[in-house]
Amino acid sequence: MGQLSEIGIVGAGFMGSGIAESAARAGLVVHLFEPEPGPLAASRERVAASVQRAVRGGKLEAGAAGELVERIHWTAELGELEPAQLVVEAITEKSRPRPRSSGRSTSASTAR
């Protein structure tokens, strides 16, 4: 497979944004997908604020901060994840009542 250079992330909430920032800091190109414009914009702001805090705290040079942010590509188009060698799912699961398992594994958890 070779060296990992591009990843995709589905979900631009707190977790997805944090993964994107960490991966970009490690030098990876990141495609961050979020279908809703509000969370997508909030993710951009969250990452920018975090990077600026790192610059102010002396943990990141200003030039490196700009390069880090440039490696993250925010998108509302799922197809833009295509170049990614790895895709990480960082979305919330909706809470709903689950049936009692009575101590037995379900077929979904044992199927591979």
C-alpha atoms as a PDB file:
ATOM      1  CA  MET A   1       0.000   0.000   0.000  1.00  0.00           C
ATOM      2  CA  GLY A   2       2.872   2.398   0.609  1.00  0.00           C
ATOM      3  CA  GLN A   3       3.037   5.453   2.825  1.00  0.00           C
ATOM      4  CA  LEU A   4      -0.252   6.972   3.953  1.00  0.00           C
ATOM      5  CA  SER A   5      -0.544  10.523   2.601  1.00  0.00           C
ATOM      6  CA  GLU A   6      -4.291  11.321   2.308  1.00  0.00           C
ATOM      7  CA  ILE A   7      -7.181  10.513   4.571  1.00  0.00           C
ATOM      8  CA  GLY A   8     -10.892  11.210   4.547  1.00  0.00           C
ATOM      9  CA  ILE A   9     -13.023  11.945   7.574  1.00  0.00           C
ATOM     10  CA  VAL A  10     -16.801  11.668   7.626  1.00  0.00           C
ATOM     11  CA  GLY A  11     -18.195  14.063  10.209  1.00  0.00           C
ATOM     12  CA  ALA A  12     -16.867  17.514  11.065  1.00  0.00           C
ATOM     13  CA  GLY A  13     -17.955  17.722  14.691  1.00  0.00           C
ATOM     14  CA  PHE A  14     -15.558  17.993  17.618  1.00  0.00           C
ATOM     15  CA  MET A  15     -14.087  14.554  17.060  1.00  0.00           C
ATOM     16  CA  GLY A  16     -13.797  14.793  13.273  1.00  0.00           C
ATOM     17  CA  SER A  17     -12.272  18.273  13.461  1.00  0.00           C
ATOM     18  CA  GLY A  18      -9.752  17.118  16.055  1.00  0.00           C
ATOM     19  CA  ILE A  19      -8.769  14.101  13.979  1.00  0.00           C
ATOM     20  CA  ALA A  20      -8.403  16.348  10.924  1.00  0.00           C
ATOM     21  CA  GLU A  21      -6.167  18.790  12.772  1.00  0.00           C
ATOM     22  CA  SER A  22      -3.989  16.020  14.217  1.00  0.00           C
ATOM     23  CA  ALA A  23      -3.627  14.294  10.849  1.00  0.00           C
ATOM     24  CA  ALA A  24      -2.789  17.571   9.080  1.00  0.00           C
ATOM     25  CA  ARG A  25      -0.246  18.368  11.795  1.00  0.00           C
ATOM     26  CA  ALA A  26       1.366  15.008  10.994  1.00  0.00           C
ATOM     27  CA  GLY A  27       1.639  16.103   7.341  1.00  0.00           C
ATOM     28  CA  LEU A  28      -1.336  14.255   5.863  1.00  0.00           C
ATOM     29  CA  VAL A  29      -3.758  15.769   3.380  1.00  0.00           C
ATOM     30  CA  VAL A  30      -7.238  15.602   4.893  1.00  0.00           C
ATOM     31  CA  HIS A  31     -10.618  15.590   3.144  1.00  0.00           C
ATOM     32  CA  LEU A  32     -13.201  16.419   5.819  1.00  0.00           C
ATOM     33  CA  PHE A  33     -16.783  15.689   4.756  1.00  0.00           C
ATOM     34  CA  GLU A  34     -19.852  17.153   6.422  1.00  0.00           C
ATOM     35  CA  PRO A  35     -23.138  17.448   4.493  1.00  0.00           C
ATOM     36  CA  GLU A  36     -24.530  20.304   6.590  1.00  0.00           C
ATOM     37  CA  PRO A  37     -23.135  23.832   6.025  1.00  0.00           C
ATOM     38  CA  GLY A  38     -23.438  24.929   9.674  1.00  0.00           C
ATOM     39  CA  PRO A  39     -21.246  22.185  11.183  1.00  0.00           C
ATOM     40  CA  LEU A  40     -18.844  22.468   8.247  1.00  0.00           C
ATOM     41  CA  ALA A  41     -18.320  26.195   8.935  1.00  0.00           C
ATOM     42  CA  ALA A  42     -18.039  25.550  12.681  1.00  0.00           C
ATOM     43  CA  SER A  43     -15.334  22.977  11.992  1.00  0.00           C
ATOM     44  CA  ARG A  44     -13.282  25.506  10.018  1.00  0.00           C
ATOM     45  CA  GLU A  45     -13.587  27.994  12.870  1.00  0.00           C
ATOM     46  CA  ARG A  46     -12.774  25.355  15.509  1.00  0.00           C
ATOM     47  CA  VAL A  47      -9.608  24.233  13.718  1.00  0.00           C
ATOM     48  CA  ALA A  48      -8.505  27.819  13.020  1.00  0.00           C
ATOM     49  CA  ALA A  49      -8.959  28.760  16.687  1.00  0.00           C
ATOM     50  CA  SER A  50      -7.070  25.690  17.865  1.00  0.00           C
ATOM     51  CA  VAL A  51      -4.185  26.332  15.483  1.00  0.00           C
ATOM     52  CA  GLN A  52      -3.988  29.985  16.551  1.00  0.00           C
ATOM     53  CA  ARG A  53      -3.863  28.909  20.214  1.00  0.00           C
ATOM     54  CA  ALA A  54      -0.946  26.615  19.338  1.00  0.00           C
ATOM     55  CA  VAL A  55       0.856  29.513  17.615  1.00  0.00           C
ATOM     56  CA  ARG A  56       0.263  31.871  20.561  1.00  0.00           C
ATOM     57  CA  GLY A  57       1.474  29.181  22.954  1.00  0.00           C
ATOM     58  CA  GLY A  58       4.665  28.658  21.001  1.00  0.00           C
ATOM     59  CA  LYS A  59       3.768  25.093  20.039  1.00  0.00           C
ATOM     60  CA  LEU A  60       3.509  25.847  16.323  1.00  0.00           C
ATOM     61  CA  GLU A  61       5.214  28.343  14.021  1.00  0.00           C
ATOM     62  CA  ALA A  62       2.918  30.702  12.084  1.00  0.00           C
ATOM     63  CA  GLY A  63       4.104  29.378   8.702  1.00  0.00           C
ATOM     64  CA  ALA A  64       3.525  25.791   9.780  1.00  0.00           C
ATOM     65  CA  ALA A  65       0.064  26.766  11.021  1.00  0.00           C
ATOM     66  CA  GLY A  66      -0.880  28.081   7.584  1.00  0.00           C
ATOM     67  CA  GLU A  67       0.414  24.932   5.910  1.00  0.00           C
ATOM     68  CA  LEU A  68      -1.504  22.761   8.393  1.00  0.00           C
ATOM     69  CA  VAL A  69      -4.796  24.493   7.617  1.00  0.00           C
ATOM     70  CA  GLU A  70      -4.116  24.318   3.863  1.00  0.00           C
ATOM     71  CA  ARG A  71      -3.809  20.518   4.111  1.00  0.00           C
ATOM     72  CA  ILE A  72      -7.426  20.271   5.321  1.00  0.00           C
ATOM     73  CA  HIS A  73     -10.073  20.343   2.596  1.00  0.00           C
ATOM     74  CA  TRP A  74     -13.571  20.888   4.001  1.00  0.00           C
ATOM     75  CA  THR A  75     -16.315  19.608   1.730  1.00  0.00           C
ATOM     76  CA  ALA A  76     -20.036  18.914   1.572  1.00  0.00           C
ATOM     77  CA  GLU A  77     -19.501  16.535  -1.372  1.00  0.00           C
ATOM     78  CA  LEU A  78     -18.990  12.894  -0.404  1.00  0.00           C
ATOM     79  CA  GLY A  79     -17.255  12.162  -3.716  1.00  0.00           C
ATOM     80  CA  GLU A  80     -14.368  14.408  -2.682  1.00  0.00           C
ATOM     81  CA  LEU A  81     -13.224  11.678  -0.296  1.00  0.00           C
ATOM     82  CA  GLU A  82     -12.229   9.537  -3.294  1.00  0.00           C
ATOM     83  CA  PRO A  83      -8.479  10.338  -3.197  1.00  0.00           C
ATOM     84  CA  ALA A  84      -8.292   9.216   0.447  1.00  0.00           C
ATOM     85  CA  GLN A  85      -6.326   6.063   1.186  1.00  0.00           C
ATOM     86  CA  LEU A  86      -8.164   5.700   4.495  1.00  0.00           C
ATOM     87  CA  VAL A  87     -11.562   7.005   5.609  1.00  0.00           C
ATOM     88  CA  VAL A  88     -12.421   7.543   9.265  1.00  0.00           C
ATOM     89  CA  GLU A  89     -16.033   7.728  10.408  1.00  0.00           C
ATOM     90  CA  ALA A  90     -16.501  10.346  13.126  1.00  0.00           C
ATOM     91  CA  ILE A  91     -20.259  10.750  13.296  1.00  0.00           C
ATOM     92  CA  THR A  92     -22.608  10.458  16.219  1.00  0.00           C
ATOM     93  CA  GLU A  93     -25.008   7.591  16.538  1.00  0.00           C
ATOM     94  CA  LYS A  94     -28.576   8.515  17.304  1.00  0.00           C
ATOM     95  CA  SER A  95     -29.635   7.131  20.652  1.00  0.00           C
ATOM     96  CA  ARG A  96     -32.476   4.683  20.458  1.00  0.00           C
ATOM     97  CA  PRO A  97     -33.715   1.918  22.697  1.00  0.00           C
ATOM     98  CA  ARG A  98     -31.887  -1.340  22.140  1.00  0.00           C
ATOM     99  CA  PRO A  99     -33.294  -4.767  22.764  1.00  0.00           C
ATOM    100  CA  ARG A 100     -31.929  -6.652  25.745  1.00  0.00           C
ATOM    101  CA  SER A 101     -29.308  -9.120  24.661  1.00  0.00           C
ATOM    102  CA  SER A 102     -29.812 -11.556  27.541  1.00  0.00           C
ATOM    103  CA  GLY A 103     -26.082 -12.227  27.475  1.00  0.00           C
ATOM    104  CA  ARG A 104     -25.975 -13.661  23.930  1.00  0.00           C
ATOM    105  CA  SER A 105     -24.098 -12.187  20.995  1.00  0.00           C
ATOM    106  CA  THR A 106     -26.182 -10.886  18.154  1.00  0.00           C
ATOM    107  CA  SER A 107     -25.641 -12.085  14.629  1.00  0.00           C
ATOM    108  CA  ALA A 108     -24.499  -8.567  13.637  1.00  0.00           C
ATOM    109  CA  SER A 109     -21.682  -8.613  16.173  1.00  0.00           C
ATOM    110  CA  THR A 110     -20.487 -12.091  15.231  1.00  0.00           C
ATOM    111  CA  ALA A 111     -20.752 -11.796  11.436  1.00  0.00           C
ATOM    112  CA  ARG A 112     -17.459 -10.966   9.750  1.00  0.00           C
END
